[in-house]
């Protein structure tokens, strides 16, 4: 069975979460199915085979779930990108706009060597603001964005447009 069908069957919609009018795409049912998790990793590996990747960076928190597994499968280090104040060593920061206000993300200042080719992973691409901020962190550390990978892309929100200036390599297993 194709990965797209398996994912669309497993992902559940939560209406009015986290606020009225939003339909949240919940990936937690995927996590109950080890064979589907393996199929997701296999699908990513096929799509990533032509990319040169030195590091996988996962965005807090759901980007850690498959990001670490991808890094292990690729045989490269995993780097967490976290909310402000969550990393213990010296960090660099990037603030970005939210619908109402701002947020700040951080990465360790020694997360990877300059010139590293970084794959940024998160579970879902929406408007692209968080992922663009993560991309800025990679640039500040003199890394190159090798590409992006997501389980889900909410294509109607046009998040891809924010990421194209950093890399045209964008993988999403399913789109809505």
N, C-alpha and C. Protein backbone atom coordinates (compact mmCIF):
# COMPACT_ATOMS: atom_id res chain seq x y z
N UNK A 1 0.85 -1.18 0.00
CA UNK A 1 0.00 0.00 0.00
C UNK A 1 0.90 1.25 0.00
N UNK A 2 0.51 2.26 -0.70
CA UNK A 2 1.33 3.46 -0.81
C UNK A 2 1.35 4.23 0.50
N UNK A 3 2.49 4.85 0.79
CA UNK A 3 2.67 5.58 2.05
C UNK A 3 1.63 6.69 2.21
N UNK A 4 1.26 7.33 1.11
CA UNK A 4 0.28 8.42 1.20
C UNK A 4 -1.04 7.91 1.75
N UNK A 5 -1.49 6.77 1.25
CA UNK A 5 -2.75 6.20 1.72
C UNK A 5 -2.64 5.77 3.19
N UNK A 6 -1.55 5.13 3.54
CA UNK A 6 -1.35 4.70 4.93
C UNK A 6 -1.38 5.90 5.88
N UNK A 7 -0.72 6.98 5.49
CA UNK A 7 -0.68 8.16 6.34
C UNK A 7 -2.03 8.84 6.44
N UNK A 8 -2.70 8.99 5.31
CA UNK A 8 -4.02 9.65 5.35
C UNK A 8 -5.03 8.84 6.16
N UNK A 9 -4.84 7.54 6.22
CA UNK A 9 -5.70 6.70 7.05
C UNK A 9 -5.35 6.87 8.53
N UNK A 10 -4.07 7.05 8.85
CA UNK A 10 -3.63 7.11 10.25
C UNK A 10 -3.77 8.50 10.87
N UNK A 11 -3.49 9.55 10.11
CA UNK A 11 -3.54 10.90 10.66
C UNK A 11 -5.00 11.24 10.96
N UNK A 12 -5.22 11.77 12.16
CA UNK A 12 -6.60 12.13 12.51
C UNK A 12 -6.74 13.63 12.62
N UNK A 13 -7.93 14.09 12.29
CA UNK A 13 -8.26 15.51 12.38
C UNK A 13 -8.89 15.80 13.74
N UNK A 14 -8.37 16.82 14.40
CA UNK A 14 -8.94 17.29 15.66
C UNK A 14 -9.49 18.69 15.37
N UNK A 15 -10.80 18.80 15.38
CA UNK A 15 -11.48 20.04 15.04
C UNK A 15 -11.40 21.04 16.21
N UNK A 16 -11.16 22.30 15.86
CA UNK A 16 -11.10 23.41 16.83
C UNK A 16 -9.98 23.25 17.84
N UNK A 17 -8.84 22.70 17.41
CA UNK A 17 -7.65 22.62 18.26
C UNK A 17 -6.48 23.22 17.53
N UNK A 18 -5.70 24.08 18.12
CA UNK A 18 -5.76 24.55 19.51
C UNK A 18 -6.74 25.68 19.76
N UNK A 19 -7.42 26.13 18.69
CA UNK A 19 -8.42 27.17 18.87
C UNK A 19 -9.51 26.99 17.81
N UNK A 20 -10.66 27.61 18.00
CA UNK A 20 -11.77 27.46 17.05
C UNK A 20 -11.35 27.81 15.62
N UNK A 21 -11.83 26.99 14.69
CA UNK A 21 -11.55 27.22 13.27
C UNK A 21 -10.36 26.46 12.74
N UNK A 22 -9.54 25.89 13.61
CA UNK A 22 -8.36 25.13 13.20
C UNK A 22 -8.71 23.65 13.16
N UNK A 23 -8.25 22.97 12.12
CA UNK A 23 -8.34 21.50 12.06
C UNK A 23 -6.91 20.99 12.20
N UNK A 24 -6.60 20.47 13.38
CA UNK A 24 -5.26 20.00 13.72
C UNK A 24 -5.03 18.61 13.15
N UNK A 25 -3.91 18.44 12.46
CA UNK A 25 -3.52 17.14 11.91
C UNK A 25 -2.69 16.42 12.97
N UNK A 26 -3.27 15.41 13.60
CA UNK A 26 -2.65 14.70 14.72
C UNK A 26 -1.91 13.47 14.23
N UNK A 27 -0.59 13.44 14.46
CA UNK A 27 0.23 12.30 14.02
C UNK A 27 0.39 11.24 15.11
N UNK A 28 -0.16 11.47 16.31
CA UNK A 28 0.08 10.49 17.37
C UNK A 28 -0.43 9.08 17.04
N UNK A 29 -1.50 8.91 16.25
CA UNK A 29 -1.86 7.52 15.89
C UNK A 29 -0.76 6.80 15.10
N UNK A 30 0.04 7.54 14.35
CA UNK A 30 1.16 6.94 13.61
C UNK A 30 2.13 6.28 14.58
N UNK A 31 2.35 6.94 15.70
CA UNK A 31 3.35 6.47 16.67
C UNK A 31 2.97 5.15 17.33
N UNK A 32 1.71 4.77 17.23
CA UNK A 32 1.26 3.48 17.79
C UNK A 32 1.53 2.32 16.84
N UNK A 33 2.03 2.62 15.65
CA UNK A 33 2.19 1.60 14.61
C UNK A 33 3.66 1.53 14.17
N UNK A 34 4.45 0.65 14.80
CA UNK A 34 5.88 0.57 14.45
C UNK A 34 6.13 0.29 12.98
N UNK A 35 5.28 -0.52 12.35
CA UNK A 35 5.52 -0.81 10.92
C UNK A 35 5.27 0.42 10.07
N UNK A 36 4.30 1.27 10.45
CA UNK A 36 4.08 2.52 9.71
C UNK A 36 5.24 3.48 9.94
N UNK A 37 5.77 3.52 11.15
CA UNK A 37 6.95 4.36 11.41
C UNK A 37 8.12 3.92 10.54
N UNK A 38 8.32 2.60 10.42
CA UNK A 38 9.37 2.09 9.53
C UNK A 38 9.11 2.48 8.08
N UNK A 39 7.86 2.41 7.67
CA UNK A 39 7.50 2.77 6.28
C UNK A 39 7.77 4.25 6.03
N UNK A 40 7.51 5.09 7.01
CA UNK A 40 7.80 6.52 6.90
C UNK A 40 9.29 6.74 6.71
N UNK A 41 10.08 6.09 7.55
CA UNK A 41 11.54 6.22 7.42
C UNK A 41 12.02 5.73 6.06
N UNK A 42 11.50 4.60 5.62
CA UNK A 42 11.89 4.07 4.30
C UNK A 42 11.52 5.05 3.19
N UNK A 43 10.33 5.65 3.28
CA UNK A 43 9.90 6.62 2.26
C UNK A 43 10.81 7.84 2.26
N UNK A 44 11.19 8.31 3.44
CA UNK A 44 12.12 9.44 3.51
C UNK A 44 13.47 9.05 2.91
N UNK A 45 13.98 7.87 3.27
CA UNK A 45 15.30 7.45 2.79
C UNK A 45 15.34 7.38 1.26
N UNK A 46 14.28 6.88 0.65
CA UNK A 46 14.22 6.82 -0.82
C UNK A 46 14.28 8.24 -1.40
N UNK A 47 13.53 9.15 -0.81
CA UNK A 47 13.47 10.52 -1.32
C UNK A 47 14.74 11.32 -1.02
N UNK A 48 15.51 10.90 -0.03
CA UNK A 48 16.72 11.62 0.36
C UNK A 48 17.99 11.05 -0.27
N UNK A 49 17.88 9.98 -1.01
CA UNK A 49 19.07 9.26 -1.47
C UNK A 49 20.02 10.10 -2.32
N UNK A 50 19.53 11.12 -3.00
CA UNK A 50 20.40 11.93 -3.85
C UNK A 50 20.93 13.18 -3.17
N UNK A 51 20.57 13.38 -1.90
CA UNK A 51 21.03 14.56 -1.18
C UNK A 51 22.26 14.23 -0.35
N UNK A 52 23.18 15.16 -0.30
CA UNK A 52 24.34 15.05 0.58
C UNK A 52 23.98 15.72 1.90
N UNK A 53 23.94 14.93 2.98
CA UNK A 53 23.49 15.41 4.29
C UNK A 53 24.56 15.10 5.33
N UNK A 54 24.97 16.14 6.08
CA UNK A 54 25.95 15.96 7.15
C UNK A 54 25.30 15.91 8.53
N UNK A 55 24.14 16.55 8.67
CA UNK A 55 23.47 16.71 9.96
C UNK A 55 21.96 16.76 9.72
N UNK A 56 21.19 16.19 10.64
CA UNK A 56 19.74 16.37 10.64
C UNK A 56 19.39 17.24 11.84
N UNK A 57 18.66 18.32 11.59
CA UNK A 57 18.18 19.21 12.65
C UNK A 57 16.67 19.03 12.77
N UNK A 58 16.21 18.71 13.97
CA UNK A 58 14.79 18.54 14.23
C UNK A 58 14.24 19.68 15.04
N UNK A 59 13.06 20.14 14.66
CA UNK A 59 12.43 21.27 15.34
C UNK A 59 11.52 20.76 16.45
N UNK A 60 11.68 21.39 17.63
CA UNK A 60 10.89 21.00 18.81
C UNK A 60 9.41 21.07 18.51
N UNK A 61 8.68 20.15 18.96
CA UNK A 61 9.08 18.91 19.60
C UNK A 61 8.80 17.71 18.71
N UNK A 62 7.80 17.81 17.86
CA UNK A 62 7.48 16.65 17.03
C UNK A 62 8.53 16.41 15.96
N UNK A 63 9.35 17.38 15.66
CA UNK A 63 10.44 17.16 14.72
C UNK A 63 11.53 16.27 15.29
N UNK A 64 11.50 16.05 16.61
CA UNK A 64 12.48 15.16 17.23
C UNK A 64 12.14 13.69 16.96
N UNK A 65 10.85 13.39 16.81
CA UNK A 65 10.41 12.00 16.73
C UNK A 65 11.05 11.26 15.56
N UNK A 66 10.86 11.77 14.36
CA UNK A 66 11.42 11.12 13.18
C UNK A 66 12.78 11.70 12.82
N UNK A 67 13.07 12.92 13.28
CA UNK A 67 14.37 13.52 12.99
C UNK A 67 15.53 12.71 13.52
N UNK A 68 15.42 12.26 14.76
CA UNK A 68 16.48 11.43 15.34
C UNK A 68 16.59 10.10 14.62
N UNK A 69 15.44 9.50 14.31
CA UNK A 69 15.48 8.21 13.60
C UNK A 69 16.10 8.37 12.21
N UNK A 70 15.77 9.49 11.53
CA UNK A 70 16.36 9.75 10.21
C UNK A 70 17.88 9.91 10.32
N UNK A 71 18.31 10.69 11.30
CA UNK A 71 19.75 10.89 11.49
C UNK A 71 20.46 9.56 11.71
N UNK A 72 19.88 8.72 12.54
CA UNK A 72 20.48 7.41 12.80
C UNK A 72 20.54 6.58 11.53
N UNK A 73 19.46 6.56 10.76
CA UNK A 73 19.45 5.79 9.50
C UNK A 73 20.47 6.34 8.50
N UNK A 74 20.63 7.66 8.49
CA UNK A 74 21.59 8.29 7.58
C UNK A 74 23.03 8.19 8.09
N UNK A 75 23.19 7.85 9.36
CA UNK A 75 24.52 7.76 9.96
C UNK A 75 25.15 9.13 10.21
N UNK A 76 24.30 10.12 10.51
CA UNK A 76 24.79 11.48 10.76
C UNK A 76 24.28 11.97 12.12
N UNK A 77 24.88 13.02 12.66
CA UNK A 77 24.42 13.56 13.94
C UNK A 77 23.02 14.16 13.85
N UNK A 78 22.34 14.19 15.00
CA UNK A 78 21.06 14.86 15.16
C UNK A 78 21.26 16.09 16.03
N UNK A 79 20.66 17.20 15.62
CA UNK A 79 20.76 18.46 16.35
C UNK A 79 19.34 18.95 16.67
N UNK A 80 19.05 19.20 17.94
CA UNK A 80 17.73 19.75 18.28
C UNK A 80 17.70 21.27 18.13
N UNK A 81 16.60 21.76 17.59
CA UNK A 81 16.31 23.20 17.58
C UNK A 81 15.13 23.36 18.52
N UNK A 82 15.35 24.15 19.59
CA UNK A 82 14.37 24.19 20.68
C UNK A 82 13.87 25.59 20.96
N UNK A 83 12.80 25.62 21.74
CA UNK A 83 12.28 26.88 22.23
C UNK A 83 13.30 27.51 23.17
N UNK A 84 13.24 28.82 23.26
CA UNK A 84 14.18 29.59 24.08
C UNK A 84 14.23 29.06 25.51
N UNK A 85 15.48 28.92 26.01
CA UNK A 85 15.69 28.53 27.40
C UNK A 85 15.71 27.04 27.67
N UNK A 86 15.65 26.20 26.63
CA UNK A 86 15.58 24.75 26.82
C UNK A 86 16.91 24.03 26.60
N UNK A 87 17.88 24.69 25.97
CA UNK A 87 19.17 24.05 25.70
C UNK A 87 20.18 24.49 26.76
N UNK A 88 21.00 23.56 27.26
CA UNK A 88 21.85 23.86 28.41
C UNK A 88 23.16 24.62 28.11
N UNK A 89 23.71 24.47 26.93
CA UNK A 89 25.01 25.10 26.63
C UNK A 89 24.78 26.43 25.91
N UNK A 90 25.88 27.05 25.48
CA UNK A 90 25.78 28.33 24.77
C UNK A 90 24.95 28.17 23.50
N UNK A 91 24.04 29.11 23.26
CA UNK A 91 23.14 29.02 22.11
C UNK A 91 23.19 30.30 21.29
N UNK A 92 22.64 30.19 20.09
CA UNK A 92 22.30 31.36 19.30
C UNK A 92 20.79 31.33 19.13
N UNK A 93 20.20 32.49 18.90
CA UNK A 93 18.74 32.61 18.88
C UNK A 93 18.24 33.20 17.57
N UNK A 94 16.98 32.90 17.30
CA UNK A 94 16.28 33.51 16.17
C UNK A 94 14.83 33.72 16.60
N UNK A 95 14.37 34.96 16.53
CA UNK A 95 12.97 35.26 16.82
C UNK A 95 12.20 35.29 15.52
N UNK A 96 10.91 35.00 15.62
CA UNK A 96 10.06 35.00 14.43
C UNK A 96 8.64 35.34 14.84
N UNK A 97 7.87 35.79 13.86
CA UNK A 97 6.50 36.24 14.12
C UNK A 97 5.55 35.06 14.18
N UNK A 98 4.65 35.14 15.14
CA UNK A 98 3.52 34.22 15.23
C UNK A 98 2.26 35.01 14.86
N UNK A 99 1.13 34.33 14.87
CA UNK A 99 -0.10 35.03 14.53
C UNK A 99 -0.33 36.22 15.46
N UNK A 100 -0.06 36.02 16.75
CA UNK A 100 -0.17 37.11 17.73
C UNK A 100 1.10 37.12 18.56
N UNK A 101 2.07 37.94 18.18
CA UNK A 101 3.30 38.04 18.96
C UNK A 101 4.49 37.41 18.27
N UNK A 102 5.47 37.05 19.10
CA UNK A 102 6.73 36.49 18.60
C UNK A 102 7.14 35.29 19.44
N UNK A 103 7.98 34.47 18.87
CA UNK A 103 8.60 33.34 19.58
C UNK A 103 10.08 33.35 19.23
N UNK A 104 10.86 32.66 20.05
CA UNK A 104 12.30 32.58 19.83
C UNK A 104 12.72 31.12 19.92
N UNK A 105 13.55 30.70 18.96
CA UNK A 105 14.12 29.36 18.95
C UNK A 105 15.63 29.47 19.11
N UNK A 106 16.22 28.37 19.57
CA UNK A 106 17.66 28.35 19.80
C UNK A 106 18.27 27.05 19.27
N UNK A 107 19.55 27.14 19.02
CA UNK A 107 20.37 25.99 18.66
C UNK A 107 21.69 26.16 19.39
N UNK A 108 22.33 25.06 19.76
CA UNK A 108 23.65 25.18 20.39
C UNK A 108 24.63 25.83 19.42
N UNK A 109 25.46 26.70 19.95
CA UNK A 109 26.43 27.43 19.12
C UNK A 109 27.44 26.49 18.47
N UNK A 110 27.64 25.31 19.05
CA UNK A 110 28.57 24.33 18.49
C UNK A 110 27.84 23.12 17.89
N UNK A 111 26.63 23.33 17.40
CA UNK A 111 25.78 22.23 16.93
C UNK A 111 26.41 21.44 15.77
N UNK A 112 27.11 22.13 14.88
CA UNK A 112 27.76 21.48 13.75
C UNK A 112 28.86 22.38 13.23
N UNK A 113 29.70 21.82 12.39
CA UNK A 113 30.83 22.56 11.82
C UNK A 113 30.35 23.49 10.70
N UNK A 114 30.99 24.65 10.55
CA UNK A 114 30.65 25.51 9.40
C UNK A 114 30.81 24.73 8.09
N UNK A 115 29.91 25.00 7.18
CA UNK A 115 29.92 24.30 5.89
C UNK A 115 29.12 23.02 5.88
N UNK A 116 28.61 22.59 7.03
CA UNK A 116 27.80 21.36 7.09
C UNK A 116 26.52 21.52 6.28
N UNK A 117 26.13 20.42 5.65
CA UNK A 117 24.88 20.39 4.89
C UNK A 117 23.80 19.82 5.82
N UNK A 118 22.82 20.66 6.15
CA UNK A 118 21.84 20.34 7.18
C UNK A 118 20.47 20.05 6.57
N UNK A 119 19.90 18.91 6.94
CA UNK A 119 18.52 18.58 6.60
C UNK A 119 17.65 19.00 7.78
N UNK A 120 16.68 19.86 7.54
CA UNK A 120 15.78 20.29 8.61
C UNK A 120 14.50 19.46 8.52
N UNK A 121 14.13 18.88 9.67
CA UNK A 121 12.94 18.02 9.71
C UNK A 121 11.94 18.53 10.74
N UNK A 122 10.68 18.49 10.37
CA UNK A 122 9.58 18.69 11.30
C UNK A 122 8.44 17.80 10.85
N UNK A 123 7.48 17.59 11.72
CA UNK A 123 6.38 16.70 11.35
C UNK A 123 5.46 17.32 10.32
N UNK A 124 5.31 18.66 10.38
CA UNK A 124 4.31 19.32 9.54
C UNK A 124 4.80 20.68 9.09
N UNK A 125 4.55 20.99 7.83
CA UNK A 125 4.81 22.32 7.28
C UNK A 125 3.49 23.04 7.15
N UNK A 126 3.36 24.16 7.83
CA UNK A 126 2.14 24.99 7.72
C UNK A 126 2.52 26.27 6.99
N UNK A 127 2.63 27.38 7.70
CA UNK A 127 2.95 28.67 7.06
C UNK A 127 4.43 28.82 6.75
N UNK A 128 5.27 28.00 7.37
CA UNK A 128 6.70 28.04 7.10
C UNK A 128 7.50 28.96 8.01
N UNK A 129 6.85 29.71 8.88
CA UNK A 129 7.56 30.67 9.73
C UNK A 129 8.55 30.03 10.67
N UNK A 130 8.16 28.97 11.33
CA UNK A 130 9.05 28.28 12.27
C UNK A 130 10.23 27.68 11.53
N UNK A 131 9.97 27.05 10.39
CA UNK A 131 11.03 26.40 9.63
C UNK A 131 11.98 27.44 9.02
N UNK A 132 11.45 28.57 8.60
CA UNK A 132 12.31 29.65 8.10
C UNK A 132 13.22 30.16 9.22
N UNK A 133 12.68 30.27 10.44
CA UNK A 133 13.51 30.70 11.57
C UNK A 133 14.60 29.67 11.85
N UNK A 134 14.26 28.38 11.77
CA UNK A 134 15.27 27.33 11.93
C UNK A 134 16.34 27.44 10.85
N UNK A 135 15.93 27.78 9.65
CA UNK A 135 16.87 27.95 8.54
C UNK A 135 17.82 29.10 8.82
N UNK A 136 17.32 30.17 9.40
CA UNK A 136 18.18 31.30 9.76
C UNK A 136 19.21 30.90 10.81
N UNK A 137 18.82 30.04 11.76
CA UNK A 137 19.78 29.54 12.75
C UNK A 137 20.90 28.76 12.07
N UNK A 138 20.53 27.91 11.12
CA UNK A 138 21.54 27.13 10.38
C UNK A 138 22.48 28.08 9.64
N UNK A 139 21.92 29.11 9.00
CA UNK A 139 22.75 30.08 8.29
C UNK A 139 23.70 30.82 9.23
N UNK A 140 23.21 31.18 10.42
CA UNK A 140 24.05 31.89 11.40
C UNK A 140 25.26 31.06 11.81
N UNK A 141 25.09 29.73 11.80
CA UNK A 141 26.21 28.84 12.13
C UNK A 141 27.01 28.47 10.89
N UNK A 142 26.73 29.15 9.77
CA UNK A 142 27.43 28.96 8.51
C UNK A 142 27.22 27.57 7.91
N UNK A 143 26.03 27.04 8.15
CA UNK A 143 25.64 25.79 7.52
C UNK A 143 24.87 26.06 6.24
N UNK A 144 24.70 25.03 5.44
CA UNK A 144 23.93 25.09 4.21
C UNK A 144 22.69 24.22 4.40
N UNK A 145 21.56 24.69 3.93
CA UNK A 145 20.34 23.89 4.01
C UNK A 145 20.36 22.88 2.86
N UNK A 146 20.55 21.60 3.20
CA UNK A 146 20.54 20.54 2.19
C UNK A 146 19.12 20.31 1.69
N UNK A 147 18.15 20.51 2.58
CA UNK A 147 16.75 20.31 2.23
C UNK A 147 15.89 20.25 3.47
N UNK A 148 14.63 19.98 3.22
CA UNK A 148 13.62 19.90 4.27
C UNK A 148 12.84 18.61 4.09
N UNK A 149 12.40 18.03 5.19
CA UNK A 149 11.48 16.91 5.07
C UNK A 149 10.40 16.99 6.15
N UNK A 150 9.20 16.68 5.72
CA UNK A 150 8.01 16.75 6.56
C UNK A 150 7.16 15.52 6.29
N UNK A 151 6.44 15.09 7.29
CA UNK A 151 5.46 14.04 7.06
C UNK A 151 4.27 14.64 6.32
N UNK A 152 3.82 15.82 6.80
CA UNK A 152 2.62 16.47 6.28
C UNK A 152 2.95 17.88 5.82
N UNK A 153 2.33 18.30 4.72
CA UNK A 153 2.40 19.69 4.28
C UNK A 153 0.98 20.19 4.09
N UNK A 154 0.67 21.31 4.73
CA UNK A 154 -0.62 21.97 4.52
C UNK A 154 -0.44 22.94 3.37
N UNK A 155 -0.56 22.42 2.16
CA UNK A 155 -0.21 23.15 0.94
C UNK A 155 -0.99 24.45 0.77
N UNK A 156 -2.21 24.50 1.26
CA UNK A 156 -3.05 25.69 1.10
C UNK A 156 -2.52 26.88 1.91
N UNK A 157 -1.58 26.64 2.83
CA UNK A 157 -0.99 27.73 3.61
C UNK A 157 0.29 28.29 2.97
N UNK A 158 0.74 27.67 1.89
CA UNK A 158 1.88 28.17 1.09
C UNK A 158 3.19 28.32 1.87
N UNK A 159 3.43 27.45 2.83
CA UNK A 159 4.67 27.50 3.59
C UNK A 159 5.91 27.26 2.76
N UNK A 160 5.77 26.49 1.71
CA UNK A 160 6.91 26.19 0.83
C UNK A 160 7.54 27.47 0.29
N UNK A 161 6.71 28.48 0.03
CA UNK A 161 7.21 29.73 -0.54
C UNK A 161 8.24 30.39 0.37
N UNK A 162 8.08 30.27 1.67
CA UNK A 162 9.04 30.86 2.61
C UNK A 162 10.37 30.11 2.63
N UNK A 163 10.34 28.85 2.22
CA UNK A 163 11.54 28.02 2.31
C UNK A 163 12.38 27.99 1.04
N UNK A 164 11.77 28.29 -0.09
CA UNK A 164 12.48 28.22 -1.36
C UNK A 164 13.75 29.07 -1.42
N UNK A 165 13.81 30.24 -0.75
CA UNK A 165 15.07 30.99 -0.77
C UNK A 165 16.24 30.25 -0.10
N UNK A 166 15.93 29.30 0.75
CA UNK A 166 16.97 28.54 1.47
C UNK A 166 17.35 27.26 0.74
N UNK A 167 16.35 26.56 0.20
CA UNK A 167 16.59 25.31 -0.52
C UNK A 167 15.33 24.94 -1.30
N UNK A 168 15.53 24.41 -2.49
CA UNK A 168 14.41 23.93 -3.29
C UNK A 168 14.11 22.47 -3.02
N UNK A 169 14.93 21.84 -2.19
CA UNK A 169 14.76 20.43 -1.84
C UNK A 169 13.76 20.31 -0.69
N UNK A 170 12.51 20.05 -1.01
CA UNK A 170 11.47 19.95 0.00
C UNK A 170 10.70 18.65 -0.21
N UNK A 171 10.70 17.82 0.82
CA UNK A 171 10.04 16.53 0.78
C UNK A 171 8.89 16.56 1.76
N UNK A 172 7.73 16.17 1.29
CA UNK A 172 6.56 15.99 2.14
C UNK A 172 5.89 14.70 1.70
N UNK A 173 5.57 13.84 2.66
CA UNK A 173 4.99 12.55 2.29
C UNK A 173 3.52 12.66 1.92
N UNK A 174 2.79 13.58 2.56
CA UNK A 174 1.39 13.81 2.18
C UNK A 174 1.10 15.30 2.25
N UNK A 175 0.21 15.75 1.39
CA UNK A 175 -0.21 17.13 1.39
C UNK A 175 -1.71 17.24 1.54
N UNK A 176 -2.11 18.33 2.13
CA UNK A 176 -3.55 18.64 2.29
C UNK A 176 -3.81 20.01 1.72
